[in-house]
Amino acid sequence: MDEIDKKIIELLQENSRISITEISKIINLSRPSVSERMTRLTEKGILQKFTTHVPPNKIGYGVSFFMEITDVKIPWEKMVEILKSNDYVTEIHCVTGNANYIVKASMPNVDMMNDFLSQLMKYSQVVTSIILNSPLIHRPIKPL
């Protein structure tokens, strides 16, 4: 990955809707060359998604929270399957430290959150932290 690829990655992280034409003007490279580089970055798995961020509270999700899941009593594959099958779960991370998993979810209300937590507590211990505010949601990472 050279400096041009790094700049393309930075531009796409800032705005995934930026056009190939705009990128080519900014980095002074032809549109076909930019397109070829983006294809190569995608094939290598460096670019995985072209997406946008939608704040959950703006679309009806009244509570967002993190869960630290520990002492899992079922095979890890089953726990991941349970978590992934819930459409309100947005992130699952297998981690080191005291927790086995850190999971992020957003739900319409606290009652739904409690129902989900009750389901998970059959298989593990769960510590929940409700998100009050988020001073930094997503900072694009610069390629090294």
C-alpha atoms as a PDB file:
ATOM      1  CA  MET A   1       0.000   0.000   0.000  1.00  0.00           C
ATOM      2  CA  ASP A   2       1.507   3.306  -1.069  1.00  0.00           C
ATOM      3  CA  GLU A   3       0.727   6.914  -0.100  1.00  0.00           C
ATOM      4  CA  ILE A   4      -1.954   7.223  -2.812  1.00  0.00           C
ATOM      5  CA  ASP A   5      -3.804   4.158  -1.489  1.00  0.00           C
ATOM      6  CA  LYS A   6      -3.570   5.620   2.030  1.00  0.00           C
ATOM      7  CA  LYS A   7      -5.067   8.918   0.860  1.00  0.00           C
ATOM      8  CA  ILE A   8      -7.923   7.089  -0.910  1.00  0.00           C
ATOM      9  CA  ILE A   9      -8.659   5.191   2.324  1.00  0.00           C
ATOM     10  CA  GLU A  10      -8.660   8.414   4.347  1.00  0.00           C
ATOM     11  CA  LEU A  11     -10.997  10.162   1.893  1.00  0.00           C
ATOM     12  CA  LEU A  12     -13.435   7.228   1.876  1.00  0.00           C
ATOM     13  CA  GLN A  13     -13.481   7.051   5.678  1.00  0.00           C
ATOM     14  CA  GLU A  14     -14.311  10.741   5.868  1.00  0.00           C
ATOM     15  CA  ASN A  15     -17.122  10.388   3.314  1.00  0.00           C
ATOM     16  CA  SER A  16     -18.061   7.009   1.838  1.00  0.00           C
ATOM     17  CA  ARG A  17     -20.219   8.778  -0.766  1.00  0.00           C
ATOM     18  CA  ILE A  18     -17.324  10.687  -2.312  1.00  0.00           C
ATOM     19  CA  SER A  19     -17.207  10.054  -6.038  1.00  0.00           C
ATOM     20  CA  ILE A  20     -14.295   8.565  -7.911  1.00  0.00           C
ATOM     21  CA  THR A  21     -14.180  11.829  -9.878  1.00  0.00           C
ATOM     22  CA  GLU A  22     -13.769  13.856  -6.665  1.00  0.00           C
ATOM     23  CA  ILE A  23     -11.071  11.494  -5.377  1.00  0.00           C
ATOM     24  CA  SER A  24      -9.204  11.710  -8.675  1.00  0.00           C
ATOM     25  CA  LYS A  25      -9.211  15.530  -8.501  1.00  0.00           C
ATOM     26  CA  ILE A  26      -8.008  15.610  -4.891  1.00  0.00           C
ATOM     27  CA  ILE A  27      -5.137  13.174  -5.377  1.00  0.00           C
ATOM     28  CA  ASN A  28      -4.400  14.188  -8.983  1.00  0.00           C
ATOM     29  CA  LEU A  29      -4.847  10.738 -10.493  1.00  0.00           C
ATOM     30  CA  SER A  30      -7.054   9.556 -13.349  1.00  0.00           C
ATOM     31  CA  ARG A  31     -10.502   8.131 -12.609  1.00  0.00           C
ATOM     32  CA  PRO A  32      -9.613   4.686 -14.047  1.00  0.00           C
ATOM     33  CA  SER A  33      -6.509   4.558 -11.843  1.00  0.00           C
ATOM     34  CA  VAL A  34      -8.532   5.490  -8.744  1.00  0.00           C
ATOM     35  CA  SER A  35     -11.155   2.895  -9.628  1.00  0.00           C
ATOM     36  CA  GLU A  36      -8.481   0.225 -10.155  1.00  0.00           C
ATOM     37  CA  ARG A  37      -6.873   1.050  -6.804  1.00  0.00           C
ATOM     38  CA  MET A  38     -10.242   0.906  -5.017  1.00  0.00           C
ATOM     39  CA  THR A  39     -10.961  -2.465  -6.611  1.00  0.00           C
ATOM     40  CA  ARG A  40      -7.561  -3.761  -5.491  1.00  0.00           C
ATOM     41  CA  LEU A  41      -8.099  -2.435  -1.938  1.00  0.00           C
ATOM     42  CA  THR A  42     -11.497  -4.147  -1.856  1.00  0.00           C
ATOM     43  CA  GLU A  43     -10.088  -7.449  -3.130  1.00  0.00           C
ATOM     44  CA  LYS A  44      -7.409  -7.331  -0.413  1.00  0.00           C
ATOM     45  CA  GLY A  45     -10.104  -6.820   2.230  1.00  0.00           C
ATOM     46  CA  ILE A  46      -8.792  -3.362   3.164  1.00  0.00           C
ATOM     47  CA  LEU A  47     -12.017  -1.710   2.011  1.00  0.00           C
ATOM     48  CA  GLN A  48     -14.882  -3.806   3.300  1.00  0.00           C
ATOM     49  CA  LYS A  49     -17.962  -1.614   3.298  1.00  0.00           C
ATOM     50  CA  PHE A  50     -19.154   1.683   1.915  1.00  0.00           C
ATOM     51  CA  THR A  51     -21.633   2.794   4.537  1.00  0.00           C
ATOM     52  CA  THR A  52     -22.960   5.646   6.627  1.00  0.00           C
ATOM     53  CA  HIS A  53     -23.492   6.259  10.324  1.00  0.00           C
ATOM     54  CA  VAL A  54     -27.064   6.648  11.555  1.00  0.00           C
ATOM     55  CA  PRO A  55     -27.489   7.643  15.216  1.00  0.00           C
ATOM     56  CA  PRO A  56     -29.840   5.034  16.776  1.00  0.00           C
ATOM     57  CA  ASN A  57     -31.731   7.624  18.837  1.00  0.00           C
ATOM     58  CA  LYS A  58     -32.693   9.475  15.621  1.00  0.00           C
ATOM     59  CA  ILE A  59     -34.550   6.424  14.266  1.00  0.00           C
ATOM     60  CA  GLY A  60     -36.485   5.227  17.287  1.00  0.00           C
ATOM     61  CA  TYR A  61     -33.953   3.383  19.445  1.00  0.00           C
ATOM     62  CA  GLY A  62     -34.379   4.829  22.934  1.00  0.00           C
ATOM     63  CA  VAL A  63     -31.558   2.944  24.631  1.00  0.00           C
ATOM     64  CA  SER A  64     -28.078   1.993  23.449  1.00  0.00           C
ATOM     65  CA  PHE A  65     -25.818  -0.042  25.688  1.00  0.00           C
ATOM     66  CA  PHE A  66     -22.715  -2.159  26.042  1.00  0.00           C
ATOM     67  CA  MET A  67     -22.686  -5.588  27.627  1.00  0.00           C
ATOM     68  CA  GLU A  68     -19.701  -7.323  29.151  1.00  0.00           C
ATOM     69  CA  ILE A  69     -20.413 -11.026  28.931  1.00  0.00           C
ATOM     70  CA  THR A  70     -18.452 -13.410  31.172  1.00  0.00           C
ATOM     71  CA  ASP A  71     -18.627 -16.954  32.531  1.00  0.00           C
ATOM     72  CA  VAL A  72     -20.225 -18.296  29.375  1.00  0.00           C
ATOM     73  CA  LYS A  73     -21.749 -21.728  30.076  1.00  0.00           C
ATOM     74  CA  ILE A  74     -22.407 -22.749  26.466  1.00  0.00           C
ATOM     75  CA  PRO A  75     -20.002 -23.237  23.540  1.00  0.00           C
ATOM     76  CA  TRP A  76     -18.727 -19.890  22.235  1.00  0.00           C
ATOM     77  CA  GLU A  77     -20.187 -20.621  18.777  1.00  0.00           C
ATOM     78  CA  LYS A  78     -23.660 -20.898  20.328  1.00  0.00           C
ATOM     79  CA  MET A  79     -23.225 -17.628  22.250  1.00  0.00           C
ATOM     80  CA  VAL A  80     -22.135 -15.820  19.097  1.00  0.00           C
ATOM     81  CA  GLU A  81     -25.110 -17.337  17.237  1.00  0.00           C
ATOM     82  CA  ILE A  82     -27.513 -16.087  19.931  1.00  0.00           C
ATOM     83  CA  LEU A  83     -26.011 -12.606  19.803  1.00  0.00           C
ATOM     84  CA  LYS A  84     -25.928 -12.431  16.004  1.00  0.00           C
ATOM     85  CA  SER A  85     -29.521 -13.608  15.733  1.00  0.00           C
ATOM     86  CA  ASN A  86     -30.714 -10.529  17.617  1.00  0.00           C
ATOM     87  CA  ASP A  87     -31.175  -7.713  15.081  1.00  0.00           C
ATOM     88  CA  TYR A  88     -30.610  -5.084  17.771  1.00  0.00           C
ATOM     89  CA  VAL A  89     -27.021  -6.224  18.392  1.00  0.00           C
ATOM     90  CA  THR A  90     -24.692  -4.024  16.334  1.00  0.00           C
ATOM     91  CA  GLU A  91     -21.234  -5.135  17.473  1.00  0.00           C
ATOM     92  CA  ILE A  92     -19.728  -8.278  18.998  1.00  0.00           C
ATOM     93  CA  HIS A  93     -16.128  -8.374  20.156  1.00  0.00           C
ATOM     94  CA  CYS A  94     -14.323 -11.360  21.670  1.00  0.00           C
ATOM     95  CA  VAL A  95     -11.822  -9.754  24.046  1.00  0.00           C
ATOM     96  CA  THR A  96      -9.074 -10.404  26.563  1.00  0.00           C
ATOM     97  CA  GLY A  97      -9.393  -9.373  30.191  1.00  0.00           C
ATOM     98  CA  ASN A  98     -12.261 -10.026  32.588  1.00  0.00           C
ATOM     99  CA  ALA A  99     -14.964 -10.222  29.917  1.00  0.00           C
ATOM    100  CA  ASN A 100     -15.259 -12.865  27.206  1.00  0.00           C
ATOM    101  CA  TYR A 101     -17.301 -10.583  24.951  1.00  0.00           C
ATOM    102  CA  ILE A 102     -18.111  -6.906  24.720  1.00  0.00           C
ATOM    103  CA  VAL A 103     -21.326  -6.376  22.809  1.00  0.00           C
ATOM    104  CA  LYS A 104     -23.068  -3.204  21.686  1.00  0.00           C
ATOM    105  CA  ALA A 105     -26.803  -3.033  21.071  1.00  0.00           C
ATOM    106  CA  SER A 106     -29.553  -0.465  20.565  1.00  0.00           C
ATOM    107  CA  MET A 107     -33.189  -1.168  21.377  1.00  0.00           C
ATOM    108  CA  PRO A 108     -36.435   0.793  21.310  1.00  0.00           C
ATOM    109  CA  ASN A 109     -36.823   0.767  25.103  1.00  0.00           C
ATOM    110  CA  VAL A 110     -35.453  -0.458  28.426  1.00  0.00           C
ATOM    111  CA  ASP A 111     -38.080  -3.215  28.725  1.00  0.00           C
ATOM    112  CA  MET A 112     -36.798  -4.840  25.524  1.00  0.00           C
ATOM    113  CA  MET A 113     -33.231  -4.476  26.790  1.00  0.00           C
ATOM    114  CA  ASN A 114     -34.179  -6.207  30.052  1.00  0.00           C
ATOM    115  CA  ASP A 115     -35.900  -9.057  28.185  1.00  0.00           C
ATOM    116  CA  PHE A 116     -32.778  -9.602  26.089  1.00  0.00           C
ATOM    117  CA  LEU A 117     -30.513  -9.461  29.143  1.00  0.00           C
ATOM    118  CA  SER A 118     -32.717 -12.033  30.895  1.00  0.00           C
ATOM    119  CA  GLN A 119     -32.281 -14.362  27.936  1.00  0.00           C
ATOM    120  CA  LEU A 120     -28.488 -13.955  27.987  1.00  0.00           C
ATOM    121  CA  MET A 121     -28.263 -14.439  31.768  1.00  0.00           C
ATOM    122  CA  LYS A 122     -29.422 -18.035  31.293  1.00  0.00           C
ATOM    123  CA  TYR A 123     -26.072 -18.730  29.639  1.00  0.00           C
ATOM    124  CA  SER A 124     -23.661 -16.206  31.156  1.00  0.00           C
ATOM    125  CA  GLN A 125     -23.086 -13.301  33.475  1.00  0.00           C
ATOM    126  CA  VAL A 126     -23.820  -9.909  31.935  1.00  0.00           C
ATOM    127  CA  VAL A 127     -22.779  -6.461  33.090  1.00  0.00           C
ATOM    128  CA  THR A 128     -24.580  -3.700  31.224  1.00  0.00           C
ATOM    129  CA  SER A 129     -23.617  -0.061  30.706  1.00  0.00           C
ATOM    130  CA  ILE A 130     -26.219   2.216  29.151  1.00  0.00           C
ATOM    131  CA  ILE A 131     -24.720   4.847  26.862  1.00  0.00           C
ATOM    132  CA  LEU A 132     -25.579   8.318  28.151  1.00  0.00           C
ATOM    133  CA  ASN A 133     -23.742  10.249  25.430  1.00  0.00           C
ATOM    134  CA  SER A 134     -20.941   9.650  22.988  1.00  0.00           C
ATOM    135  CA  PRO A 135     -18.388  12.458  22.630  1.00  0.00           C
ATOM    136  CA  LEU A 136     -16.545  10.434  19.953  1.00  0.00           C
ATOM    137  CA  ILE A 137     -18.477   7.853  17.955  1.00  0.00           C
ATOM    138  CA  HIS A 138     -16.180   6.886  15.125  1.00  0.00           C
ATOM    139  CA  ARG A 139     -12.775   8.272  14.329  1.00  0.00           C
ATOM    140  CA  PRO A 140     -11.406   7.167  10.982  1.00  0.00           C
ATOM    141  CA  ILE A 141      -8.166   5.251  11.366  1.00  0.00           C
ATOM    142  CA  LYS A 142      -5.229   6.398   9.272  1.00  0.00           C
ATOM    143  CA  PRO A 143      -3.248   3.696   7.502  1.00  0.00           C
ATOM    144  CA  LEU A 144       0.343   3.291   8.722  1.00  0.00           C
END
